[in-house]
Amino acid sequence: MPDIEIVERKKNPLLYREEIILKFRFQGPTPSRKEVREAVVSFLGVNQDRVVIRKISQEYGMPEAKVLVMLYNSSEKAKEIEPKHIIARHEQKEG
């Protein structure tokens, strides 16, 4: 189970979302976007459709990453506001 810590959390009422920066620590290989999203959903205790992982940045060889998460008020707002290529990343099948 990865260790997750909230670095910054701010509300953006104009875009119907919260913008959250997390420090995501893990053991072993770098987790996939899907694994990061599942861990963030369980950490925040929200519906997966409302969570969009905008960016994952990691320094080479470090067992931690900075994750930019957009937590929307509804899944409809997420699909309406987020760019299509970001939504497509979440809908891709692994493998």
PDB file of N, CA and C in Angstrom:
ATOM      1  N   MET A   1       0.853  -1.190   0.000  1.00  0.00           N
ATOM      2  CA  MET A   1       0.000   0.000   0.000  1.00  0.00           C
ATOM      3  C   MET A   1       0.887   1.237   0.000  1.00  0.00           C
ATOM      4  N   PRO A   2       0.679   2.140  -0.931  1.00  0.00           N
ATOM      5  CA  PRO A   2       1.494   3.358  -0.971  1.00  0.00           C
ATOM      6  C   PRO A   2       1.149   4.304   0.171  1.00  0.00           C
ATOM      7  N   ASP A   3       2.100   5.147   0.497  1.00  0.00           N
ATOM      8  CA  ASP A   3       1.913   6.167   1.522  1.00  0.00           C
ATOM      9  C   ASP A   3       1.555   7.462   0.801  1.00  0.00           C
ATOM     10  N   ILE A   4       0.423   8.062   1.154  1.00  0.00           N
ATOM     11  CA  ILE A   4      -0.051   9.267   0.487  1.00  0.00           C
ATOM     12  C   ILE A   4      -0.165  10.387   1.508  1.00  0.00           C
ATOM     13  N   GLU A   5       0.313  11.568   1.119  1.00  0.00           N
ATOM     14  CA  GLU A   5       0.268  12.739   1.989  1.00  0.00           C
ATOM     15  C   GLU A   5      -0.232  13.934   1.177  1.00  0.00           C
ATOM     16  N   ILE A   6      -1.162  14.699   1.750  1.00  0.00           N
ATOM     17  CA  ILE A   6      -1.664  15.898   1.076  1.00  0.00           C
ATOM     18  C   ILE A   6      -0.685  17.032   1.307  1.00  0.00           C
ATOM     19  N   VAL A   7      -0.163  17.606   0.212  1.00  0.00           N
ATOM     20  CA  VAL A   7       0.765  18.730   0.285  1.00  0.00           C
ATOM     21  C   VAL A   7      -0.004  20.048   0.235  1.00  0.00           C
ATOM     22  N   GLU A   8      -0.979  20.120  -0.676  1.00  0.00           N
ATOM     23  CA  GLU A   8      -1.769  21.345  -0.852  1.00  0.00           C
ATOM     24  C   GLU A   8      -3.165  20.968  -1.321  1.00  0.00           C
ATOM     25  N   ARG A   9      -4.145  21.698  -0.811  1.00  0.00           N
ATOM     26  CA  ARG A   9      -5.538  21.444  -1.205  1.00  0.00           C
ATOM     27  C   ARG A   9      -6.258  22.783  -1.273  1.00  0.00           C
ATOM     28  N   LYS A  10      -6.817  23.091  -2.452  1.00  0.00           N
ATOM     29  CA  LYS A  10      -7.553  24.348  -2.573  1.00  0.00           C
ATOM     30  C   LYS A  10      -8.797  24.142  -3.415  1.00  0.00           C
ATOM     31  N   LYS A  11      -9.837  24.883  -3.060  1.00  0.00           N
ATOM     32  CA  LYS A  11     -11.103  24.808  -3.777  1.00  0.00           C
ATOM     33  C   LYS A  11     -11.095  25.784  -4.947  1.00  0.00           C
ATOM     34  N   ASN A  12     -11.711  25.363  -6.043  1.00  0.00           N
ATOM     35  CA  ASN A  12     -11.873  26.207  -7.209  1.00  0.00           C
ATOM     36  C   ASN A  12     -13.353  26.163  -7.603  1.00  0.00           C
ATOM     37  N   PRO A  13     -14.172  27.010  -6.961  1.00  0.00           N
ATOM     38  CA  PRO A  13     -15.615  26.927  -7.194  1.00  0.00           C
ATOM     39  C   PRO A  13     -16.045  27.284  -8.615  1.00  0.00           C
ATOM     40  N   LEU A  14     -15.264  28.073  -9.320  1.00  0.00           N
ATOM     41  CA  LEU A  14     -15.628  28.431 -10.695  1.00  0.00           C
ATOM     42  C   LEU A  14     -15.571  27.236 -11.632  1.00  0.00           C
ATOM     43  N   LEU A  15     -14.679  26.291 -11.331  1.00  0.00           N
ATOM     44  CA  LEU A  15     -14.559  25.097 -12.164  1.00  0.00           C
ATOM     45  C   LEU A  15     -15.133  23.853 -11.477  1.00  0.00           C
ATOM     46  N   TYR A  16     -15.871  24.055 -10.376  1.00  0.00           N
ATOM     47  CA  TYR A  16     -16.568  22.970  -9.680  1.00  0.00           C
ATOM     48  C   TYR A  16     -15.622  21.851  -9.250  1.00  0.00           C
ATOM     49  N   ARG A  17     -14.469  22.214  -8.683  1.00  0.00           N
ATOM     50  CA  ARG A  17     -13.498  21.190  -8.308  1.00  0.00           C
ATOM     51  C   ARG A  17     -12.610  21.633  -7.153  1.00  0.00           C
ATOM     52  N   GLU A  18     -11.915  20.643  -6.596  1.00  0.00           N
ATOM     53  CA  GLU A  18     -10.824  20.879  -5.657  1.00  0.00           C
ATOM     54  C   GLU A  18      -9.546  20.460  -6.365  1.00  0.00           C
ATOM     55  N   GLU A  19      -8.497  21.251  -6.195  1.00  0.00           N
ATOM     56  CA  GLU A  19      -7.205  20.937  -6.788  1.00  0.00           C
ATOM     57  C   GLU A  19      -6.294  20.490  -5.652  1.00  0.00           C
ATOM     58  N   ILE A  20      -5.817  19.265  -5.735  1.00  0.00           N
ATOM     59  CA  ILE A  20      -5.065  18.651  -4.650  1.00  0.00           C
ATOM     60  C   ILE A  20      -3.699  18.214  -5.173  1.00  0.00           C
ATOM     61  N   ILE A  21      -2.651  18.564  -4.421  1.00  0.00           N
ATOM     62  CA  ILE A  21      -1.304  18.078  -4.726  1.00  0.00           C
ATOM     63  C   ILE A  21      -0.943  17.072  -3.640  1.00  0.00           C
ATOM     64  N   LEU A  22      -0.582  15.865  -4.071  1.00  0.00           N
ATOM     65  CA  LEU A  22      -0.255  14.778  -3.154  1.00  0.00           C
ATOM     66  C   LEU A  22       1.190  14.358  -3.305  1.00  0.00           C
ATOM     67  N   LYS A  23       1.780  13.899  -2.207  1.00  0.00           N
ATOM     68  CA  LYS A  23       3.075  13.227  -2.260  1.00  0.00           C
ATOM     69  C   LYS A  23       2.755  11.734  -2.150  1.00  0.00           C
ATOM     70  N   PHE A  24       3.134  10.986  -3.162  1.00  0.00           N
ATOM     71  CA  PHE A  24       2.783   9.574  -3.306  1.00  0.00           C
ATOM     72  C   PHE A  24       4.060   8.743  -3.185  1.00  0.00           C
ATOM     73  N   ARG A  25       4.224   8.056  -2.054  1.00  0.00           N
ATOM     74  CA  ARG A  25       5.415   7.215  -1.833  1.00  0.00           C
ATOM     75  C   ARG A  25       5.036   5.753  -2.066  1.00  0.00           C
ATOM     76  N   PHE A  26       5.949   5.001  -2.722  1.00  0.00           N
ATOM     77  CA  PHE A  26       5.659   3.615  -3.065  1.00  0.00           C
ATOM     78  C   PHE A  26       6.919   2.775  -2.947  1.00  0.00           C
ATOM     79  N   GLN A  27       6.739   1.467  -2.909  1.00  0.00           N
ATOM     80  CA  GLN A  27       7.844   0.507  -2.891  1.00  0.00           C
ATOM     81  C   GLN A  27       7.844  -0.244  -4.216  1.00  0.00           C
ATOM     82  N   GLY A  28       9.026  -0.586  -4.716  1.00  0.00           N
ATOM     83  CA  GLY A  28       9.102  -1.356  -5.943  1.00  0.00           C
ATOM     84  C   GLY A  28       9.018  -0.493  -7.180  1.00  0.00           C
ATOM     85  N   PRO A  29       8.504  -1.072  -8.272  1.00  0.00           N
ATOM     86  CA  PRO A  29       8.439  -0.329  -9.540  1.00  0.00           C
ATOM     87  C   PRO A  29       7.434   0.819  -9.487  1.00  0.00           C
ATOM     88  N   THR A  30       7.616   1.766 -10.392  1.00  0.00           N
ATOM     89  CA  THR A  30       6.715   2.911 -10.471  1.00  0.00           C
ATOM     90  C   THR A  30       5.304   2.426 -10.805  1.00  0.00           C
ATOM     91  N   PRO A  31       4.310   2.831 -10.025  1.00  0.00           N
ATOM     92  CA  PRO A  31       2.938   2.386 -10.300  1.00  0.00           C
ATOM     93  C   PRO A  31       2.373   3.048 -11.557  1.00  0.00           C
ATOM     94  N   SER A  32       1.426   2.380 -12.166  1.00  0.00           N
ATOM     95  CA  SER A  32       0.776   2.922 -13.363  1.00  0.00           C
ATOM     96  C   SER A  32      -0.214   4.017 -12.959  1.00  0.00           C
ATOM     97  N   ARG A  33      -0.684   4.769 -13.928  1.00  0.00           N
ATOM     98  CA  ARG A  33      -1.683   5.823 -13.687  1.00  0.00           C
ATOM     99  C   ARG A  33      -2.948   5.215 -13.065  1.00  0.00           C
ATOM    100  N   LYS A  34      -3.329   4.039 -13.530  1.00  0.00           N
ATOM    101  CA  LYS A  34      -4.514   3.364 -12.996  1.00  0.00           C
ATOM    102  C   LYS A  34      -4.332   3.019 -11.517  1.00  0.00           C
ATOM    103  N   GLU A  35      -3.157   2.497 -11.158  1.00  0.00           N
ATOM    104  CA  GLU A  35      -2.883   2.152  -9.761  1.00  0.00           C
ATOM    105  C   GLU A  35      -2.853   3.396  -8.872  1.00  0.00           C
ATOM    106  N   VAL A  36      -2.289   4.478  -9.388  1.00  0.00           N
ATOM    107  CA  VAL A  36      -2.253   5.737  -8.634  1.00  0.00           C
ATOM    108  C   VAL A  36      -3.668   6.241  -8.415  1.00  0.00           C
ATOM    109  N   ARG A  37      -4.481   6.204  -9.451  1.00  0.00           N
ATOM    110  CA  ARG A  37      -5.868   6.681  -9.339  1.00  0.00           C
ATOM    111  C   ARG A  37      -6.648   5.859  -8.320  1.00  0.00           C
ATOM    112  N   GLU A  38      -6.498   4.535  -8.349  1.00  0.00           N
ATOM    113  CA  GLU A  38      -7.198   3.671  -7.397  1.00  0.00           C
ATOM    114  C   GLU A  38      -6.773   3.971  -5.960  1.00  0.00           C
ATOM    115  N   ALA A  39      -5.472   4.195  -5.741  1.00  0.00           N
ATOM    116  CA  ALA A  39      -4.976   4.513  -4.401  1.00  0.00           C
ATOM    117  C   ALA A  39      -5.510   5.866  -3.919  1.00  0.00           C
ATOM    118  N   VAL A  40      -5.546   6.855  -4.815  1.00  0.00           N
ATOM    119  CA  VAL A  40      -6.045   8.191  -4.466  1.00  0.00           C
ATOM    120  C   VAL A  40      -7.538   8.128  -4.157  1.00  0.00           C
ATOM    121  N   VAL A  41      -8.297   7.371  -4.933  1.00  0.00           N
ATOM    122  CA  VAL A  41      -9.737   7.232  -4.700  1.00  0.00           C
ATOM    123  C   VAL A  41      -9.993   6.628  -3.319  1.00  0.00           C
ATOM    124  N   SER A  42      -9.261   5.576  -2.968  1.00  0.00           N
ATOM    125  CA  SER A  42      -9.465   4.969  -1.653  1.00  0.00           C
ATOM    126  C   SER A  42      -8.972   5.889  -0.528  1.00  0.00           C
ATOM    127  N   PHE A  43      -7.909   6.654  -0.765  1.00  0.00           N
ATOM    128  CA  PHE A  43      -7.388   7.591   0.234  1.00  0.00           C
ATOM    129  C   PHE A  43      -8.387   8.715   0.505  1.00  0.00           C
ATOM    130  N   LEU A  44      -8.964   9.280  -0.561  1.00  0.00           N
ATOM    131  CA  LEU A  44      -9.913  10.387  -0.412  1.00  0.00           C
ATOM    132  C   LEU A  44     -11.324   9.911  -0.082  1.00  0.00           C
ATOM    133  N   GLY A  45     -11.629   8.658  -0.369  1.00  0.00           N
ATOM    134  CA  GLY A  45     -12.949   8.113  -0.080  1.00  0.00           C
ATOM    135  C   GLY A  45     -14.050   8.703  -0.947  1.00  0.00           C
ATOM    136  N   VAL A  46     -13.758   8.853  -2.237  1.00  0.00           N
ATOM    137  CA  VAL A  46     -14.732   9.435  -3.171  1.00  0.00           C
ATOM    138  C   VAL A  46     -14.971   8.477  -4.329  1.00  0.00           C
ATOM    139  N   ASN A  47     -15.951   8.811  -5.173  1.00  0.00           N
ATOM    140  CA  ASN A  47     -16.282   8.029  -6.353  1.00  0.00           C
ATOM    141  C   ASN A  47     -15.185   8.205  -7.410  1.00  0.00           C
ATOM    142  N   GLN A  48     -14.797   7.143  -8.051  1.00  0.00           N
ATOM    143  CA  GLN A  48     -13.706   7.174  -9.033  1.00  0.00           C
ATOM    144  C   GLN A  48     -13.993   8.084 -10.216  1.00  0.00           C
ATOM    145  N   ASP A  49     -15.256   8.250 -10.597  1.00  0.00           N
ATOM    146  CA  ASP A  49     -15.614   9.084 -11.748  1.00  0.00           C
ATOM    147  C   ASP A  49     -15.328  10.561 -11.512  1.00  0.00           C
ATOM    148  N   ARG A  50     -15.216  10.968 -10.261  1.00  0.00           N
ATOM    149  CA  ARG A  50     -14.979  12.381  -9.928  1.00  0.00           C
ATOM    150  C   ARG A  50     -13.500  12.736  -9.867  1.00  0.00           C
ATOM    151  N   VAL A  51     -12.618  11.735  -9.870  1.00  0.00           N
ATOM    152  CA  VAL A  51     -11.177  11.954  -9.708  1.00  0.00           C
ATOM    153  C   VAL A  51     -10.472  11.917 -11.055  1.00  0.00           C
ATOM    154  N   VAL A  52      -9.701  12.977 -11.337  1.00  0.00           N
ATOM    155  CA  VAL A  52      -8.890  13.034 -12.549  1.00  0.00           C
ATOM    156  C   VAL A  52      -7.449  13.277 -12.122  1.00  0.00           C
ATOM    157  N   ILE A  53      -6.565  12.376 -12.534  1.00  0.00           N
ATOM    158  CA  ILE A  53      -5.134  12.545 -12.282  1.00  0.00           C
ATOM    159  C   ILE A  53      -4.594  13.387 -13.429  1.00  0.00           C
ATOM    160  N   ARG A  54      -4.270  14.623 -13.151  1.00  0.00           N
ATOM    161  CA  ARG A  54      -3.822  15.535 -14.206  1.00  0.00           C
ATOM    162  C   ARG A  54      -2.340  15.311 -14.524  1.00  0.00           C
ATOM    163  N   LYS A  55      -1.508  15.143 -13.485  1.00  0.00           N
ATOM    164  CA  LYS A  55      -0.078  15.036 -13.728  1.00  0.00           C
ATOM    165  C   LYS A  55       0.582  14.194 -12.642  1.00  0.00           C
ATOM    166  N   ILE A  56       1.535  13.371 -13.052  1.00  0.00           N
ATOM    167  CA  ILE A  56       2.367  12.609 -12.126  1.00  0.00           C
ATOM    168  C   ILE A  56       3.807  12.949 -12.458  1.00  0.00           C
ATOM    169  N   SER A  57       4.527  13.518 -11.504  1.00  0.00           N
ATOM    170  CA  SER A  57       5.929  13.853 -11.756  1.00  0.00           C
ATOM    171  C   SER A  57       6.807  13.166 -10.721  1.00  0.00           C
ATOM    172  N   GLN A  58       7.889  12.580 -11.226  1.00  0.00           N
ATOM    173  CA  GLN A  58       8.782  11.807 -10.376  1.00  0.00           C
ATOM    174  C   GLN A  58      10.220  12.086 -10.769  1.00  0.00           C
ATOM    175  N   GLU A  59      11.083  12.252  -9.771  1.00  0.00           N
ATOM    176  CA  GLU A  59      12.502  12.376 -10.059  1.00  0.00           C
ATOM    177  C   GLU A  59      13.068  10.987 -10.305  1.00  0.00           C
ATOM    178  N   TYR A  60      14.062  10.914 -11.143  1.00  0.00           N
ATOM    179  CA  TYR A  60      14.648   9.635 -11.543  1.00  0.00           C
ATOM    180  C   TYR A  60      15.137   8.847 -10.332  1.00  0.00           C
ATOM    181  N   GLY A  61      14.673   7.615 -10.213  1.00  0.00           N
ATOM    182  CA  GLY A  61      15.140   6.711  -9.177  1.00  0.00           C
ATOM    183  C   GLY A  61      14.525   6.918  -7.806  1.00  0.00           C
ATOM    184  N   MET A  62      13.706   7.910  -7.638  1.00  0.00           N
ATOM    185  CA  MET A  62      13.114   8.179  -6.327  1.00  0.00           C
ATOM    186  C   MET A  62      11.832   7.351  -6.145  1.00  0.00           C
ATOM    187  N   PRO A  63      11.605   6.823  -4.940  1.00  0.00           N
ATOM    188  CA  PRO A  63      10.387   6.032  -4.699  1.00  0.00           C
ATOM    189  C   PRO A  63       9.192   6.893  -4.287  1.00  0.00           C
ATOM    190  N   GLU A  64       9.128   8.110  -4.815  1.00  0.00           N
ATOM    191  CA  GLU A  64       7.981   8.977  -4.547  1.00  0.00           C
ATOM    192  C   GLU A  64       7.702   9.842  -5.760  1.00  0.00           C
ATOM    193  N   ALA A  65       6.465  10.272  -5.860  1.00  0.00           N
ATOM    194  CA  ALA A  65       6.040  11.112  -6.978  1.00  0.00           C
ATOM    195  C   ALA A  65       5.107  12.188  -6.449  1.00  0.00           C
ATOM    196  N   LYS A  66       5.041  13.298  -7.171  1.00  0.00           N
ATOM    197  CA  LYS A  66       4.084  14.356  -6.878  1.00  0.00           C
ATOM    198  C   LYS A  66       2.930  14.171  -7.852  1.00  0.00           C
ATOM    199  N   VAL A  67       1.713  14.170  -7.318  1.00  0.00           N
ATOM    200  CA  VAL A  67       0.529  13.895  -8.123  1.00  0.00           C
ATOM    201  C   VAL A  67      -0.421  15.085  -8.035  1.00  0.00           C
ATOM    202  N   LEU A  68      -0.825  15.611  -9.190  1.00  0.00           N
ATOM    203  CA  LEU A  68      -1.811  16.683  -9.252  1.00  0.00           C
ATOM    204  C   LEU A  68      -3.170  16.049  -9.543  1.00  0.00           C
ATOM    205  N   VAL A  69      -4.092  16.197  -8.596  1.00  0.00           N
ATOM    206  CA  VAL A  69      -5.402  15.567  -8.677  1.00  0.00           C
ATOM    207  C   VAL A  69      -6.476  16.645  -8.767  1.00  0.00           C
ATOM    208  N   MET A  70      -7.433  16.442  -9.664  1.00  0.00           N
ATOM    209  CA  MET A  70      -8.606  17.299  -9.750  1.00  0.00           C
ATOM    210  C   MET A  70      -9.793  16.484  -9.247  1.00  0.00           C
ATOM    211  N   LEU A  71     -10.426  16.954  -8.181  1.00  0.00           N
ATOM    212  CA  LEU A  71     -11.583  16.285  -7.599  1.00  0.00           C
ATOM    213  C   LEU A  71     -12.814  17.123  -7.914  1.00  0.00           C
ATOM    214  N   TYR A  72     -13.623  16.649  -8.844  1.00  0.00           N
ATOM    215  CA  TYR A  72     -14.787  17.396  -9.322  1.00  0.00           C
ATOM    216  C   TYR A  72     -16.019  17.115  -8.466  1.00  0.00           C
ATOM    217  N   ASN A  73     -16.985  18.048  -8.509  1.00  0.00           N
ATOM    218  CA  ASN A  73     -18.242  17.882  -7.784  1.00  0.00           C
ATOM    219  C   ASN A  73     -19.080  16.753  -8.390  1.00  0.00           C
ATOM    220  N   SER A  74     -18.938  16.521  -9.714  1.00  0.00           N
ATOM    221  CA  SER A  74     -19.673  15.445 -10.377  1.00  0.00           C
ATOM    222  C   SER A  74     -18.856  14.938 -11.560  1.00  0.00           C
ATOM    223  N   SER A  75     -19.166  13.728 -12.001  1.00  0.00           N
ATOM    224  CA  SER A  75     -18.447  13.164 -13.147  1.00  0.00           C
ATOM    225  C   SER A  75     -18.792  13.916 -14.432  1.00  0.00           C
ATOM    226  N   GLU A  76     -20.002  14.471 -14.511  1.00  0.00           N
ATOM    227  CA  GLU A  76     -20.391  15.239 -15.695  1.00  0.00           C
ATOM    228  C   GLU A  76     -19.527  16.489 -15.846  1.00  0.00           C
ATOM    229  N   LYS A  77     -19.271  17.178 -14.741  1.00  0.00           N
ATOM    230  CA  LYS A  77     -18.420  18.375 -14.773  1.00  0.00           C
ATOM    231  C   LYS A  77     -16.992  18.004 -15.158  1.00  0.00           C
ATOM    232  N   ALA A  78     -16.516  16.866 -14.685  1.00  0.00           N
ATOM    233  CA  ALA A  78     -15.159  16.419 -15.026  1.00  0.00           C
ATOM    234  C   ALA A  78     -15.027  16.223 -16.530  1.00  0.00           C
ATOM    235  N   LYS A  79     -15.991  15.551 -17.132  1.00  0.00           N
ATOM    236  CA  LYS A  79     -15.945  15.302 -18.579  1.00  0.00           C
ATOM    237  C   LYS A  79     -16.147  16.576 -19.389  1.00  0.00           C
ATOM    238  N   GLU A  80     -16.896  17.514 -18.831  1.00  0.00           N
ATOM    239  CA  GLU A  80     -17.163  18.773 -19.520  1.00  0.00           C
ATOM    240  C   GLU A  80     -15.950  19.710 -19.500  1.00  0.00           C
ATOM    241  N   ILE A  81     -15.226  19.739 -18.379  1.00  0.00           N
ATOM    242  CA  ILE A  81     -14.161  20.720 -18.178  1.00  0.00           C
ATOM    243  C   ILE A  81     -12.783  20.203 -18.589  1.00  0.00           C
ATOM    244  N   GLU A  82     -12.475  18.952 -18.269  1.00  0.00           N
ATOM    245  CA  GLU A  82     -11.136  18.417 -18.548  1.00  0.00           C
ATOM    246  C   GLU A  82     -10.901  18.269 -20.052  1.00  0.00           C
ATOM    247  N   PRO A  83      -9.651  18.478 -20.499  1.00  0.00           N
ATOM    248  CA  PRO A  83      -9.333  18.251 -21.918  1.00  0.00           C
ATOM    249  C   PRO A  83      -9.572  16.788 -22.311  1.00  0.00           C
ATOM    250  N   LYS A  84      -9.924  16.587 -23.560  1.00  0.00           N
ATOM    251  CA  LYS A  84     -10.257  15.241 -24.031  1.00  0.00           C
ATOM    252  C   LYS A  84      -9.106  14.254 -23.885  1.00  0.00           C
ATOM    253  N   HIS A  85      -7.861  14.714 -24.077  1.00  0.00           N
ATOM    254  CA  HIS A  85      -6.734  13.775 -23.981  1.00  0.00           C
ATOM    255  C   HIS A  85      -6.499  13.319 -22.540  1.00  0.00           C
ATOM    256  N   ILE A  86      -6.835  14.142 -21.564  1.00  0.00           N
ATOM    257  CA  ILE A  86      -6.702  13.739 -20.159  1.00  0.00           C
ATOM    258  C   ILE A  86      -7.766  12.694 -19.827  1.00  0.00           C
ATOM    259  N   ILE A  87      -8.992  12.902 -20.280  1.00  0.00           N
ATOM    260  CA  ILE A  87     -10.075  11.941 -20.064  1.00  0.00           C
ATOM    261  C   ILE A  87      -9.721  10.623 -20.749  1.00  0.00           C
ATOM    262  N   ALA A  88      -9.138  10.687 -21.947  1.00  0.00           N
ATOM    263  CA  ALA A  88      -8.778   9.476 -22.689  1.00  0.00           C
ATOM    264  C   ALA A  88      -7.722   8.654 -21.943  1.00  0.00           C
ATOM    265  N   ARG A  89      -6.815   9.308 -21.242  1.00  0.00           N
ATOM    266  CA  ARG A  89      -5.794   8.591 -20.465  1.00  0.00           C
ATOM    267  C   ARG A  89      -6.437   7.719 -19.384  1.00  0.00           C
ATOM    268  N   HIS A  90      -7.527   8.187 -18.811  1.00  0.00           N
ATOM    269  CA  HIS A  90      -8.190   7.436 -17.751  1.00  0.00           C
ATOM    270  C   HIS A  90      -9.040   6.297 -18.297  1.00  0.00           C
ATOM    271  N   GLU A  91      -9.401   6.375 -19.556  1.00  0.00           N
ATOM    272  CA  GLU A  91     -10.259   5.352 -20.144  1.00  0.00           C
ATOM    273  C   GLU A  91      -9.480   4.274 -20.902  1.00  0.00           C
ATOM    274  N   GLN A  92      -8.143   4.456 -21.028  1.00  0.00           N
ATOM    275  CA  GLN A  92      -7.327   3.484 -21.747  1.00  0.00           C
ATOM    276  C   GLN A  92      -7.264   2.175 -20.994  1.00  0.00           C
ATOM    277  N   LYS A  93      -7.235   1.087 -21.736  1.00  0.00           N
ATOM    278  CA  LYS A  93      -7.075  -0.235 -21.158  1.00  0.00           C
ATOM    279  C   LYS A  93      -5.591  -0.500 -20.968  1.00  0.00           C
ATOM    280  N   GLU A  94      -5.234  -1.171 -19.865  1.00  0.00           N
ATOM    281  CA  GLU A  94      -3.828  -1.500 -19.627  1.00  0.00           C
ATOM    282  C   GLU A  94      -3.465  -2.739 -20.426  1.00  0.00           C
ATOM    283  N   GLY A  95      -2.177  -2.834 -20.801  1.00  0.00           N
ATOM    284  CA  GLY A  95      -1.705  -4.031 -21.481  1.00  0.00           C
ATOM    285  C   GLY A  95      -1.575  -3.768 -22.906  1.00  0.00           C
TER     286      GLY A  95
END
